[in-house]
Amino acid sequence: MNIREKHDKLKNYIKSLGSVAVAFSGGVDSTFLLETAHDVLGDRSIAVTARSCSFPERELREAESFCGQRAITHVVCDSEELDIEGFQQNPPNRCYLCKSELFRKIWAVAREHGIENVAEGSNTDDDGDYRPGLVAVSEQNVKSPLRYAELNKEEIRELSREIALPTWNKQSFACLASRFPYGETITAERLGMVDRAEQVLLDLGFRQVRVRHHGDVARIETDESGFGLLMDKETRERVNEQFKRIGFTYVSLDMKGYRTGSMNETLQR
């Protein structure tokens, strides 16, 4: 199928659902899914966003702004992962624990609003990595319309650009809990350190970044443009100084650069 056929397949599938609550993070995929659902179903589609320590305030504000501008019903619910038994110990199935709790809460919101389905924004690129959260998707009968339509990230960005979505070229984002090696305890304080460190980089003009938390070491992953910024001595000194103020003793740069799921590399050893 070409991209037009996939887009039509997506819209027809969403139409067949009748009503849907979209798990909405404000990222590239869920924004495109929500926009399409709202275009097809109107008020029979709603957005649900989870507020927690692992979800930066800047992302929540962007999600609220998007829905407000388009008059989309937007429900923000509290879903604090740190309260989930076993989550703080950061086991390999951490994402499953989180998504299971999240989808239970979204289903509750959906029922309150008379909505018959819940959908999330994974795409076909997610099929090739370790994604325990997709087990929760299957267990709780959550729909994955973008995967059903066989859309990948590049195609979603292209379609988003064509319909003038502000997120078409937004940097990829994953919850802050993904910044920790499996087995390293996750706390609100450590999540805050990662959040502040990534904000430092974003404020300096970095576009795609991850700050991985390794105890007293911050490991920066960035794209080619980020590597270029770090060639400037003044920028490096500012990053080092501000990261140390946040609480890191050492600041390192990952030579392999930004990639999704880098913490999963330890599972393949």
C-alpha atoms as a PDB file:
ATOM      1  CA  MET A   1       0.000   0.000   0.000  1.00  0.00           C
ATOM      2  CA  ASN A   2       1.108   3.550  -0.624  1.00  0.00           C
ATOM      3  CA  ILE A   3       0.791   6.295   1.960  1.00  0.00           C
ATOM      4  CA  ARG A   4      -2.596   7.493   0.627  1.00  0.00           C
ATOM      5  CA  GLU A   5      -4.079   4.019   0.844  1.00  0.00           C
ATOM      6  CA  LYS A   6      -2.754   3.651   4.375  1.00  0.00           C
ATOM      7  CA  HIS A   7      -4.285   6.980   5.356  1.00  0.00           C
ATOM      8  CA  ASP A   8      -7.655   5.914   3.951  1.00  0.00           C
ATOM      9  CA  LYS A   9      -7.376   2.581   5.732  1.00  0.00           C
ATOM     10  CA  LEU A  10      -6.738   4.427   9.004  1.00  0.00           C
ATOM     11  CA  LYS A  11      -9.756   6.707   8.587  1.00  0.00           C
ATOM     12  CA  ASN A  12     -12.049   3.849   7.631  1.00  0.00           C
ATOM     13  CA  TYR A  13     -10.905   1.816  10.623  1.00  0.00           C
ATOM     14  CA  ILE A  14     -11.472   4.684  13.031  1.00  0.00           C
ATOM     15  CA  LYS A  15     -14.906   5.289  11.510  1.00  0.00           C
ATOM     16  CA  SER A  16     -15.767   1.629  12.146  1.00  0.00           C
ATOM     17  CA  LEU A  17     -14.995   2.073  15.862  1.00  0.00           C
ATOM     18  CA  GLY A  18     -17.849   4.544  16.297  1.00  0.00           C
ATOM     19  CA  SER A  19     -16.263   6.235  19.302  1.00  0.00           C
ATOM     20  CA  VAL A  20     -12.788   6.293  20.779  1.00  0.00           C
ATOM     21  CA  ALA A  21     -10.738   7.627  23.682  1.00  0.00           C
ATOM     22  CA  VAL A  22      -7.184   8.285  22.508  1.00  0.00           C
ATOM     23  CA  ALA A  23      -4.273   7.882  24.919  1.00  0.00           C
ATOM     24  CA  PHE A  24      -2.779  11.288  24.174  1.00  0.00           C
ATOM     25  CA  SER A  25       0.778  12.276  25.075  1.00  0.00           C
ATOM     26  CA  GLY A  26       1.085  15.176  22.647  1.00  0.00           C
ATOM     27  CA  GLY A  27       3.787  13.372  20.671  1.00  0.00           C
ATOM     28  CA  VAL A  28       3.989  12.865  16.910  1.00  0.00           C
ATOM     29  CA  ASP A  29       2.015   9.623  16.774  1.00  0.00           C
ATOM     30  CA  SER A  30      -0.760  10.257  19.290  1.00  0.00           C
ATOM     31  CA  THR A  31      -1.323  13.782  17.948  1.00  0.00           C
ATOM     32  CA  PHE A  32      -1.784  12.483  14.409  1.00  0.00           C
ATOM     33  CA  LEU A  33      -4.072   9.714  15.681  1.00  0.00           C
ATOM     34  CA  LEU A  34      -6.153  12.142  17.739  1.00  0.00           C
ATOM     35  CA  GLU A  35      -6.452  14.645  14.891  1.00  0.00           C
ATOM     36  CA  THR A  36      -7.607  11.888  12.547  1.00  0.00           C
ATOM     37  CA  ALA A  37     -10.073  10.519  15.091  1.00  0.00           C
ATOM     38  CA  HIS A  38     -11.502  13.971  15.733  1.00  0.00           C
ATOM     39  CA  ASP A  39     -11.772  14.619  11.991  1.00  0.00           C
ATOM     40  CA  VAL A  40     -13.620  11.332  11.434  1.00  0.00           C
ATOM     41  CA  LEU A  41     -15.686  11.031  14.619  1.00  0.00           C
ATOM     42  CA  GLY A  42     -16.001  14.576  15.903  1.00  0.00           C
ATOM     43  CA  ASP A  43     -17.289  14.677  19.470  1.00  0.00           C
ATOM     44  CA  ARG A  44     -17.316  10.870  19.578  1.00  0.00           C
ATOM     45  CA  SER A  45     -13.563  11.071  20.083  1.00  0.00           C
ATOM     46  CA  ILE A  46     -11.844  12.337  23.226  1.00  0.00           C
ATOM     47  CA  ALA A  47      -8.254  12.676  24.419  1.00  0.00           C
ATOM     48  CA  VAL A  48      -6.980  11.304  27.731  1.00  0.00           C
ATOM     49  CA  THR A  49      -3.590  12.328  29.102  1.00  0.00           C
ATOM     50  CA  ALA A  50      -1.941  10.864  32.200  1.00  0.00           C
ATOM     51  CA  ARG A  51      -0.191  13.241  34.602  1.00  0.00           C
ATOM     52  CA  SER A  52       2.778  11.828  36.530  1.00  0.00           C
ATOM     53  CA  CYS A  53       6.384  12.464  37.608  1.00  0.00           C
ATOM     54  CA  SER A  54       7.634  10.785  34.440  1.00  0.00           C
ATOM     55  CA  PHE A  55       5.699  13.131  32.134  1.00  0.00           C
ATOM     56  CA  PRO A  56       7.270  16.609  31.874  1.00  0.00           C
ATOM     57  CA  GLU A  57       5.064  19.594  32.551  1.00  0.00           C
ATOM     58  CA  ARG A  58       6.047  21.093  29.186  1.00  0.00           C
ATOM     59  CA  GLU A  59       4.564  18.077  27.405  1.00  0.00           C
ATOM     60  CA  LEU A  60       1.321  18.322  29.390  1.00  0.00           C
ATOM     61  CA  ARG A  61       0.988  22.020  28.549  1.00  0.00           C
ATOM     62  CA  GLU A  62       1.466  21.285  24.848  1.00  0.00           C
ATOM     63  CA  ALA A  63      -1.156  18.536  24.963  1.00  0.00           C
ATOM     64  CA  GLU A  64      -3.643  20.835  26.692  1.00  0.00           C
ATOM     65  CA  SER A  65      -2.960  23.628  24.200  1.00  0.00           C
ATOM     66  CA  PHE A  66      -3.483  21.364  21.195  1.00  0.00           C
ATOM     67  CA  CYS A  67      -6.855  20.108  22.429  1.00  0.00           C
ATOM     68  CA  GLY A  68      -7.951  23.582  23.478  1.00  0.00           C
ATOM     69  CA  GLN A  69      -7.217  25.057  20.053  1.00  0.00           C
ATOM     70  CA  ARG A  70      -9.259  22.323  18.350  1.00  0.00           C
ATOM     71  CA  ALA A  71     -12.091  22.118  20.892  1.00  0.00           C
ATOM     72  CA  ILE A  72     -11.314  18.455  21.556  1.00  0.00           C
ATOM     73  CA  THR A  73     -12.596  17.070  24.856  1.00  0.00           C
ATOM     74  CA  HIS A  74      -9.452  16.503  26.917  1.00  0.00           C
ATOM     75  CA  VAL A  75      -9.359  14.640  30.221  1.00  0.00           C
ATOM     76  CA  VAL A  76      -6.197  14.747  32.348  1.00  0.00           C
ATOM     77  CA  CYS A  77      -6.058  11.933  34.869  1.00  0.00           C
ATOM     78  CA  ASP A  78      -3.474  11.186  37.544  1.00  0.00           C
ATOM     79  CA  SER A  79      -1.583   7.966  36.925  1.00  0.00           C
ATOM     80  CA  GLU A  80       1.485   8.013  39.147  1.00  0.00           C
ATOM     81  CA  GLU A  81       3.729   5.140  38.141  1.00  0.00           C
ATOM     82  CA  LEU A  82       5.796   5.397  41.313  1.00  0.00           C
ATOM     83  CA  ASP A  83       2.753   4.150  43.247  1.00  0.00           C
ATOM     84  CA  ILE A  84       2.575   0.941  41.195  1.00  0.00           C
ATOM     85  CA  GLU A  85       3.962  -2.049  43.061  1.00  0.00           C
ATOM     86  CA  GLY A  86       7.347  -3.019  41.648  1.00  0.00           C
ATOM     87  CA  PHE A  87       7.677  -0.032  39.301  1.00  0.00           C
ATOM     88  CA  GLN A  88      10.354   1.828  41.268  1.00  0.00           C
ATOM     89  CA  GLN A  89      12.630  -1.213  41.116  1.00  0.00           C
ATOM     90  CA  ASN A  90      12.641  -0.722  37.339  1.00  0.00           C
ATOM     91  CA  PRO A  91      12.276  -4.330  36.139  1.00  0.00           C
ATOM     92  CA  PRO A  92      12.479  -5.176  32.419  1.00  0.00           C
ATOM     93  CA  ASN A  93       8.657  -5.267  32.299  1.00  0.00           C
ATOM     94  CA  ARG A  94       8.389  -1.763  33.787  1.00  0.00           C
ATOM     95  CA  CYS A  95       6.541  -0.459  30.737  1.00  0.00           C
ATOM     96  CA  TYR A  96       3.986  -3.256  31.049  1.00  0.00           C
ATOM     97  CA  LEU A  97       3.271  -2.308  34.671  1.00  0.00           C
ATOM     98  CA  CYS A  98       2.824   1.331  33.679  1.00  0.00           C
ATOM     99  CA  LYS A  99       0.664   0.726  30.617  1.00  0.00           C
ATOM    100  CA  SER A 100      -1.570  -1.738  32.454  1.00  0.00           C
ATOM    101  CA  GLU A 101      -2.397   0.893  35.058  1.00  0.00           C
ATOM    102  CA  LEU A 102      -2.707   3.645  32.464  1.00  0.00           C
ATOM    103  CA  PHE A 103      -5.139   1.782  30.228  1.00  0.00           C
ATOM    104  CA  ARG A 104      -7.323   0.802  33.188  1.00  0.00           C
ATOM    105  CA  LYS A 105      -7.693   4.490  33.996  1.00  0.00           C
ATOM    106  CA  ILE A 106      -8.335   5.475  30.386  1.00  0.00           C
ATOM    107  CA  TRP A 107     -11.011   2.786  30.088  1.00  0.00           C
ATOM    108  CA  ALA A 108     -12.675   4.240  33.200  1.00  0.00           C
ATOM    109  CA  VAL A 109     -12.681   7.708  31.612  1.00  0.00           C
ATOM    110  CA  ALA A 110     -14.009   6.273  28.349  1.00  0.00           C
ATOM    111  CA  ARG A 111     -16.931   4.580  30.106  1.00  0.00           C
ATOM    112  CA  GLU A 112     -17.762   7.786  31.983  1.00  0.00           C
ATOM    113  CA  HIS A 113     -18.056   9.577  28.633  1.00  0.00           C
ATOM    114  CA  GLY A 114     -19.982   6.817  26.871  1.00  0.00           C
ATOM    115  CA  ILE A 115     -17.013   5.956  24.648  1.00  0.00           C
ATOM    116  CA  GLU A 116     -16.780   2.360  23.416  1.00  0.00           C
ATOM    117  CA  ASN A 117     -13.093   2.038  22.495  1.00  0.00           C
ATOM    118  CA  VAL A 118      -9.621   3.030  23.700  1.00  0.00           C
ATOM    119  CA  ALA A 119      -6.781   3.581  21.222  1.00  0.00           C
ATOM    120  CA  GLU A 120      -3.054   4.210  21.484  1.00  0.00           C
ATOM    121  CA  GLY A 121      -0.472   5.526  19.038  1.00  0.00           C
ATOM    122  CA  SER A 122       2.121   2.825  18.417  1.00  0.00           C
ATOM    123  CA  ASN A 123       3.195   2.402  14.789  1.00  0.00           C
ATOM    124  CA  THR A 124       4.873  -0.342  12.768  1.00  0.00           C
ATOM    125  CA  ASP A 125       8.349   0.842  13.776  1.00  0.00           C
ATOM    126  CA  ASP A 126       7.509  -0.262  17.326  1.00  0.00           C
ATOM    127  CA  ASP A 127       7.227  -3.887  16.227  1.00  0.00           C
ATOM    128  CA  GLY A 128      10.970  -4.410  15.985  1.00  0.00           C
ATOM    129  CA  ASP A 129      12.021  -3.503  19.533  1.00  0.00           C
ATOM    130  CA  TYR A 130      11.384  -4.818  23.034  1.00  0.00           C
ATOM    131  CA  ARG A 131       7.980  -3.295  23.867  1.00  0.00           C
ATOM    132  CA  PRO A 132       6.397  -4.934  26.931  1.00  0.00           C
ATOM    133  CA  GLY A 133       3.769  -2.214  26.946  1.00  0.00           C
ATOM    134  CA  LEU A 134       2.228  -3.763  23.844  1.00  0.00           C
ATOM    135  CA  VAL A 135       1.322  -6.800  25.969  1.00  0.00           C
ATOM    136  CA  ALA A 136      -0.904  -4.528  28.048  1.00  0.00           C
ATOM    137  CA  VAL A 137      -2.399  -3.157  24.823  1.00  0.00           C
ATOM    138  CA  SER A 138      -3.416  -6.674  23.807  1.00  0.00           C
ATOM    139  CA  GLU A 139      -4.626  -7.747  27.250  1.00  0.00           C
ATOM    140  CA  GLN A 140      -6.942  -4.758  27.664  1.00  0.00           C
ATOM    141  CA  ASN A 141      -8.311  -4.734  24.122  1.00  0.00           C
ATOM    142  CA  VAL A 142      -6.802  -1.354  23.320  1.00  0.00           C
ATOM    143  CA  LYS A 143      -6.829  -0.521  19.632  1.00  0.00           C
ATOM    144  CA  SER A 144      -3.671   0.410  17.685  1.00  0.00           C
ATOM    145  CA  PRO A 145      -5.049   2.133  14.565  1.00  0.00           C
ATOM    146  CA  LEU A 146      -1.686   3.298  13.216  1.00  0.00           C
ATOM    147  CA  ARG A 147      -0.282  -0.213  13.323  1.00  0.00           C
ATOM    148  CA  TYR A 148      -3.504  -1.551  11.793  1.00  0.00           C
ATOM    149  CA  ALA A 149      -3.063   0.885   8.901  1.00  0.00           C
ATOM    150  CA  GLU A 150       0.600  -0.206   8.590  1.00  0.00           C
ATOM    151  CA  LEU A 151       1.906   3.334   9.055  1.00  0.00           C
ATOM    152  CA  ASN A 152       5.495   3.929  10.149  1.00  0.00           C
ATOM    153  CA  LYS A 153       6.964   6.996  11.847  1.00  0.00           C
ATOM    154  CA  GLU A 154       8.263   8.613   8.663  1.00  0.00           C
ATOM    155  CA  GLU A 155       4.858   8.288   6.997  1.00  0.00           C
ATOM    156  CA  ILE A 156       3.104   9.691  10.073  1.00  0.00           C
ATOM    157  CA  ARG A 157       5.404  12.708  10.023  1.00  0.00           C
ATOM    158  CA  GLU A 158       4.735  13.221   6.297  1.00  0.00           C
ATOM    159  CA  LEU A 159       0.962  13.036   6.713  1.00  0.00           C
ATOM    160  CA  SER A 160       1.167  15.299   9.766  1.00  0.00           C
ATOM    161  CA  ARG A 161       3.098  17.860   7.718  1.00  0.00           C
ATOM    162  CA  GLU A 162       0.510  17.728   4.940  1.00  0.00           C
ATOM    163  CA  ILE A 163      -2.337  18.516   7.345  1.00  0.00           C
ATOM    164  CA  ALA A 164      -0.256  21.205   9.091  1.00  0.00           C
ATOM    165  CA  LEU A 165       0.047  19.563  12.479  1.00  0.00           C
ATOM    166  CA  PRO A 166       2.587  21.412  14.661  1.00  0.00           C
ATOM    167  CA  THR A 167       4.066  18.080  15.742  1.00  0.00           C
ATOM    168  CA  TRP A 168       5.111  16.867  12.275  1.00  0.00           C
ATOM    169  CA  ASN A 169       8.778  17.551  13.045  1.00  0.00           C
ATOM    170  CA  LYS A 170       8.628  17.385  16.838  1.00  0.00           C
ATOM    171  CA  GLN A 171      11.444  15.470  18.483  1.00  0.00           C
ATOM    172  CA  SER A 172      10.630  11.933  19.578  1.00  0.00           C
ATOM    173  CA  PHE A 173       9.855  11.566  23.271  1.00  0.00           C
ATOM    174  CA  ALA A 174       9.459   8.682  25.688  1.00  0.00           C
ATOM    175  CA  CYS A 175       8.534   8.793  29.363  1.00  0.00           C
ATOM    176  CA  LEU A 176      11.367   9.838  31.667  1.00  0.00           C
ATOM    177  CA  ALA A 177      11.429   6.416  33.330  1.00  0.00           C
ATOM    178  CA  SER A 178      13.026   5.072  30.151  1.00  0.00           C
ATOM    179  CA  ARG A 179      16.217   6.988  31.007  1.00  0.00           C
ATOM    180  CA  PHE A 180      17.256   4.511  33.713  1.00  0.00           C
ATOM    181  CA  PRO A 181      19.083   1.171  33.334  1.00  0.00           C
ATOM    182  CA  TYR A 182      16.893  -1.775  34.307  1.00  0.00           C
ATOM    183  CA  GLY A 183      17.327  -2.524  37.981  1.00  0.00           C
ATOM    184  CA  GLU A 184      18.282   1.028  38.958  1.00  0.00           C
ATOM    185  CA  THR A 185      15.737   2.473  41.384  1.00  0.00           C
ATOM    186  CA  ILE A 186      13.489   5.190  39.973  1.00  0.00           C
ATOM    187  CA  THR A 187      12.506   8.007  42.320  1.00  0.00           C
ATOM    188  CA  ALA A 188      10.717  11.330  41.909  1.00  0.00           C
ATOM    189  CA  GLU A 189      13.989  13.124  42.661  1.00  0.00           C
ATOM    190  CA  ARG A 190      15.893  11.249  39.948  1.00  0.00           C
ATOM    191  CA  LEU A 191      13.109  11.784  37.419  1.00  0.00           C
ATOM    192  CA  GLY A 192      13.298  15.484  38.228  1.00  0.00           C
ATOM    193  CA  MET A 193      17.054  15.488  37.611  1.00  0.00           C
ATOM    194  CA  VAL A 194      16.577  13.966  34.160  1.00  0.00           C
ATOM    195  CA  ASP A 195      13.760  16.369  33.326  1.00  0.00           C
ATOM    196  CA  ARG A 196      15.796  19.438  34.312  1.00  0.00           C
ATOM    197  CA  ALA A 197      18.888  18.184  32.486  1.00  0.00           C
ATOM    198  CA  GLU A 198      16.980  17.613  29.253  1.00  0.00           C
ATOM    199  CA  GLN A 199      15.382  21.044  29.587  1.00  0.00           C
ATOM    200  CA  VAL A 200      18.871  22.567  29.828  1.00  0.00           C
ATOM    201  CA  LEU A 201      19.769  20.992  26.485  1.00  0.00           C
ATOM    202  CA  LEU A 202      16.488  21.978  24.835  1.00  0.00           C
ATOM    203  CA  ASP A 203      16.963  25.578  25.995  1.00  0.00           C
ATOM    204  CA  LEU A 204      20.438  25.558  24.423  1.00  0.00           C
ATOM    205  CA  GLY A 205      18.977  24.620  21.050  1.00  0.00           C
ATOM    206  CA  PHE A 206      19.322  20.845  21.061  1.00  0.00           C
ATOM    207  CA  ARG A 207      16.475  19.186  19.183  1.00  0.00           C
ATOM    208  CA  GLN A 208      16.672  15.435  19.810  1.00  0.00           C
ATOM    209  CA  VAL A 209      18.126  14.428  23.175  1.00  0.00           C
ATOM    210  CA  ARG A 210      18.012  11.832  25.903  1.00  0.00           C
ATOM    211  CA  VAL A 211      19.784  12.165  29.241  1.00  0.00           C
ATOM    212  CA  ARG A 212      20.359   8.659  30.567  1.00  0.00           C
ATOM    213  CA  HIS A 213      20.745   8.419  34.343  1.00  0.00           C
ATOM    214  CA  HIS A 214      23.607   6.178  35.520  1.00  0.00           C
ATOM    215  CA  GLY A 215      23.931   7.018  39.221  1.00  0.00           C
ATOM    216  CA  ASP A 216      26.175  10.072  39.409  1.00  0.00           C
ATOM    217  CA  VAL A 217      26.809   9.989  35.636  1.00  0.00           C
ATOM    218  CA  ALA A 218      24.611  11.678  33.031  1.00  0.00           C
ATOM    219  CA  ARG A 219      25.001  10.100  29.573  1.00  0.00           C
ATOM    220  CA  ILE A 220      23.820  12.409  26.799  1.00  0.00           C
ATOM    221  CA  GLU A 221      22.435  10.943  23.593  1.00  0.00           C
ATOM    222  CA  THR A 222      21.856  13.436  20.801  1.00  0.00           C
ATOM    223  CA  ASP A 223      21.575  13.680  17.018  1.00  0.00           C
ATOM    224  CA  GLU A 224      24.095  15.070  14.524  1.00  0.00           C
ATOM    225  CA  SER A 225      23.022  18.668  15.110  1.00  0.00           C
ATOM    226  CA  GLY A 226      23.496  18.139  18.836  1.00  0.00           C
ATOM    227  CA  PHE A 227      27.009  16.825  18.256  1.00  0.00           C
ATOM    228  CA  GLY A 228      27.680  20.015  16.357  1.00  0.00           C
ATOM    229  CA  LEU A 229      26.496  22.185  19.241  1.00  0.00           C
ATOM    230  CA  LEU A 230      28.773  20.348  21.628  1.00  0.00           C
ATOM    231  CA  MET A 231      31.799  21.186  19.505  1.00  0.00           C
ATOM    232  CA  ASP A 232      31.534  24.675  20.953  1.00  0.00           C
ATOM    233  CA  LYS A 233      33.620  24.925  24.115  1.00  0.00           C
ATOM    234  CA  GLU A 234      31.319  27.447  25.773  1.00  0.00           C
ATOM    235  CA  THR A 235      28.297  25.197  25.221  1.00  0.00           C
ATOM    236  CA  ARG A 236      30.111  22.188  26.687  1.00  0.00           C
ATOM    237  CA  GLU A 237      31.113  24.196  29.743  1.00  0.00           C
ATOM    238  CA  ARG A 238      27.544  25.445  30.259  1.00  0.00           C
ATOM    239  CA  VAL A 239      26.145  21.919  29.984  1.00  0.00           C
ATOM    240  CA  ASN A 240      28.730  20.564  32.410  1.00  0.00           C
ATOM    241  CA  GLU A 241      28.171  23.362  34.920  1.00  0.00           C
ATOM    242  CA  GLN A 242      24.386  23.165  34.865  1.00  0.00           C
ATOM    243  CA  PHE A 243      24.290  19.364  35.019  1.00  0.00           C
ATOM    244  CA  LYS A 244      26.500  19.470  38.097  1.00  0.00           C
ATOM    245  CA  ARG A 245      24.138  22.000  39.692  1.00  0.00           C
ATOM    246  CA  ILE A 246      21.334  19.530  39.058  1.00  0.00           C
ATOM    247  CA  GLY A 247      23.254  16.835  40.942  1.00  0.00           C
ATOM    248  CA  PHE A 248      25.348  14.872  38.467  1.00  0.00           C
ATOM    249  CA  THR A 249      29.049  14.404  39.223  1.00  0.00           C
ATOM    250  CA  TYR A 250      30.087  13.437  35.695  1.00  0.00           C
ATOM    251  CA  VAL A 251      28.659  14.306  32.284  1.00  0.00           C
ATOM    252  CA  SER A 252      29.377  12.069  29.280  1.00  0.00           C
ATOM    253  CA  LEU A 253      28.457  12.042  25.596  1.00  0.00           C
ATOM    254  CA  ASP A 254      27.368   8.774  23.979  1.00  0.00           C
ATOM    255  CA  MET A 255      29.425   8.387  20.803  1.00  0.00           C
ATOM    256  CA  LYS A 256      26.701   6.303  19.140  1.00  0.00           C
ATOM    257  CA  GLY A 257      24.265   9.182  19.455  1.00  0.00           C
ATOM    258  CA  TYR A 258      20.517   9.253  19.949  1.00  0.00           C
ATOM    259  CA  ARG A 259      18.506   6.089  19.349  1.00  0.00           C
ATOM    260  CA  THR A 260      15.264   4.773  20.803  1.00  0.00           C
ATOM    261  CA  GLY A 261      15.368   1.937  23.316  1.00  0.00           C
ATOM    262  CA  SER A 262      19.105   2.165  24.040  1.00  0.00           C
ATOM    263  CA  MET A 263      18.499   0.741  27.539  1.00  0.00           C
ATOM    264  CA  ASN A 264      17.195  -2.422  25.892  1.00  0.00           C
ATOM    265  CA  GLU A 265      20.698  -3.075  24.574  1.00  0.00           C
ATOM    266  CA  THR A 266      21.633  -4.495  27.991  1.00  0.00           C
ATOM    267  CA  LEU A 267      18.916  -7.153  27.592  1.00  0.00           C
ATOM    268  CA  GLN A 268      20.622  -8.518  24.484  1.00  0.00           C
ATOM    269  CA  ARG A 269      23.892  -9.375  26.181  1.00  0.00           C
END
